[in-house]
Amino acid sequence: MAPETYIVRVYRRSSGPSIVLAGRIETPGGGLCASFTSLAELGTILLEPHGHLREAEVPPIADLPGSSAMRLRRKKKTR
C-alpha cells in the first residue's frame, strides 16, 4: 500500500466526556475533499478515501486571487 498524504483542517473541537469534532480533509492542492462531523467519520474517510473524497466546489486556496501561493508564482516586472 502506497503512502498517501492528506490535509486535515479541524474547525470545531470540544472536550469533555464526548469529543465533538468537525472539519474537512483534503488532498494537497485542495482538488479533492470531504467534510466530517466526528472522529468516527474522519476515521471512515481515512480508511476508504476514494469512496468519500469528492471534487472541491471551491477552487484550491492556491488558486484564489491574493493568496501567498499566487504571489510566489507571479513574475517580477523588469524595468
C-alpha atoms as a PDB file:
ATOM      1  CA  MET A   1       0.000   0.000   0.000  1.00  0.00           C
ATOM      2  CA  ALA A   2       1.491   3.331  -1.078  1.00  0.00           C
ATOM      3  CA  PRO A   3       1.609   6.166   1.469  1.00  0.00           C
ATOM      4  CA  GLU A   4      -0.975   8.892   0.955  1.00  0.00           C
ATOM      5  CA  THR A   5      -0.938  12.491   2.172  1.00  0.00           C
ATOM      6  CA  TYR A   6      -3.980  14.448   3.346  1.00  0.00           C
ATOM      7  CA  ILE A   7      -4.540  17.815   4.974  1.00  0.00           C
ATOM      8  CA  VAL A   8      -6.942  17.699   7.920  1.00  0.00           C
ATOM      9  CA  ARG A   9      -8.498  21.012   8.993  1.00  0.00           C
ATOM     10  CA  VAL A  10     -10.328  20.985  12.303  1.00  0.00           C
ATOM     11  CA  TYR A  11     -12.833  23.819  12.600  1.00  0.00           C
ATOM     12  CA  ARG A  12     -14.617  22.888  15.824  1.00  0.00           C
ATOM     13  CA  ARG A  13     -13.491  20.876  18.777  1.00  0.00           C
ATOM     14  CA  SER A  14     -14.825  20.466  22.283  1.00  0.00           C
ATOM     15  CA  SER A  15     -13.511  18.455  25.161  1.00  0.00           C
ATOM     16  CA  GLY A  16     -15.343  16.509  27.790  1.00  0.00           C
ATOM     17  CA  PRO A  17     -16.808  13.035  28.046  1.00  0.00           C
ATOM     18  CA  SER A  18     -17.619  13.051  24.340  1.00  0.00           C
ATOM     19  CA  ILE A  19     -15.288  14.815  21.938  1.00  0.00           C
ATOM     20  CA  VAL A  20     -17.138  16.805  19.292  1.00  0.00           C
ATOM     21  CA  LEU A  21     -15.072  17.383  16.187  1.00  0.00           C
ATOM     22  CA  ALA A  22     -15.850  18.973  12.833  1.00  0.00           C
ATOM     23  CA  GLY A  23     -13.651  19.774   9.889  1.00  0.00           C
ATOM     24  CA  ARG A  24     -12.505  18.953   6.413  1.00  0.00           C
ATOM     25  CA  ILE A  25      -9.983  16.561   4.912  1.00  0.00           C
ATOM     26  CA  GLU A  26      -8.465  17.318   1.527  1.00  0.00           C
ATOM     27  CA  THR A  27      -5.716  16.263  -0.802  1.00  0.00           C
ATOM     28  CA  PRO A  28      -2.672  18.524  -1.119  1.00  0.00           C
ATOM     29  CA  GLY A  29      -3.644  21.237  -3.565  1.00  0.00           C
ATOM     30  CA  GLY A  30      -7.285  21.023  -2.495  1.00  0.00           C
ATOM     31  CA  GLY A  31      -8.606  19.172  -5.555  1.00  0.00           C
ATOM     32  CA  LEU A  32     -10.499  16.500  -3.571  1.00  0.00           C
ATOM     33  CA  CYS A  33     -12.149  16.970  -0.189  1.00  0.00           C
ATOM     34  CA  ALA A  34     -14.687  15.661   2.313  1.00  0.00           C
ATOM     35  CA  SER A  35     -16.255  17.098   5.453  1.00  0.00           C
ATOM     36  CA  PHE A  36     -16.519  15.234   8.751  1.00  0.00           C
ATOM     37  CA  THR A  37     -18.518  15.884  11.918  1.00  0.00           C
ATOM     38  CA  SER A  38     -16.970  13.334  14.246  1.00  0.00           C
ATOM     39  CA  LEU A  39     -13.777  11.432  14.881  1.00  0.00           C
ATOM     40  CA  ALA A  40     -15.555   8.286  13.667  1.00  0.00           C
ATOM     41  CA  GLU A  41     -16.385   9.935  10.313  1.00  0.00           C
ATOM     42  CA  LEU A  42     -12.782  11.082   9.928  1.00  0.00           C
ATOM     43  CA  GLY A  43     -11.632   7.511  10.548  1.00  0.00           C
ATOM     44  CA  THR A  44     -14.097   6.185   7.969  1.00  0.00           C
ATOM     45  CA  ILE A  45     -12.857   8.660   5.360  1.00  0.00           C
ATOM     46  CA  LEU A  46      -9.232   7.721   6.036  1.00  0.00           C
ATOM     47  CA  LEU A  47      -9.984   4.003   5.760  1.00  0.00           C
ATOM     48  CA  GLU A  48     -11.721   4.369   2.371  1.00  0.00           C
ATOM     49  CA  PRO A  49     -10.748   7.810   0.961  1.00  0.00           C
ATOM     50  CA  HIS A  50     -11.666   7.058  -2.662  1.00  0.00           C
ATOM     51  CA  GLY A  51     -15.258   6.350  -1.638  1.00  0.00           C
ATOM     52  CA  HIS A  52     -15.644   9.636   0.256  1.00  0.00           C
ATOM     53  CA  LEU A  53     -13.448  12.309  -1.334  1.00  0.00           C
ATOM     54  CA  ARG A  54     -15.199  14.453  -3.938  1.00  0.00           C
ATOM     55  CA  GLU A  55     -14.161  17.273  -6.263  1.00  0.00           C
ATOM     56  CA  ALA A  56     -13.874  20.515  -4.309  1.00  0.00           C
ATOM     57  CA  GLU A  57     -16.661  23.000  -5.049  1.00  0.00           C
ATOM     58  CA  VAL A  58     -14.427  25.981  -4.366  1.00  0.00           C
ATOM     59  CA  PRO A  59     -11.031  26.409  -6.009  1.00  0.00           C
ATOM     60  CA  PRO A  60      -7.982  25.356  -4.012  1.00  0.00           C
ATOM     61  CA  ILE A  61      -6.602  28.113  -1.798  1.00  0.00           C
ATOM     62  CA  ALA A  62      -3.519  28.420  -4.005  1.00  0.00           C
ATOM     63  CA  ASP A  63      -5.760  29.449  -6.943  1.00  0.00           C
ATOM     64  CA  LEU A  64      -7.615  32.213  -5.100  1.00  0.00           C
ATOM     65  CA  PRO A  65      -6.597  35.787  -6.002  1.00  0.00           C
ATOM     66  CA  GLY A  66      -4.245  37.306  -3.447  1.00  0.00           C
ATOM     67  CA  SER A  67      -3.131  34.012  -1.925  1.00  0.00           C
ATOM     68  CA  SER A  68       0.534  33.669  -0.999  1.00  0.00           C
ATOM     69  CA  ALA A  69       0.969  30.846  -3.492  1.00  0.00           C
ATOM     70  CA  MET A  70      -0.287  33.092  -6.280  1.00  0.00           C
ATOM     71  CA  ARG A  71       2.157  35.823  -5.231  1.00  0.00           C
ATOM     72  CA  LEU A  72       5.019  33.321  -5.424  1.00  0.00           C
ATOM     73  CA  ARG A  73       4.093  32.358  -8.983  1.00  0.00           C
ATOM     74  CA  ARG A  74       3.875  35.920 -10.321  1.00  0.00           C
ATOM     75  CA  LYS A  75       6.816  37.045 -12.369  1.00  0.00           C
ATOM     76  CA  LYS A  76       8.674  40.118 -11.217  1.00  0.00           C
ATOM     77  CA  LYS A  77       8.358  43.082 -13.523  1.00  0.00           C
ATOM     78  CA  THR A  78      11.572  44.152 -15.197  1.00  0.00           C
ATOM     79  CA  ARG A  79      12.146  47.803 -15.890  1.00  0.00           C
END
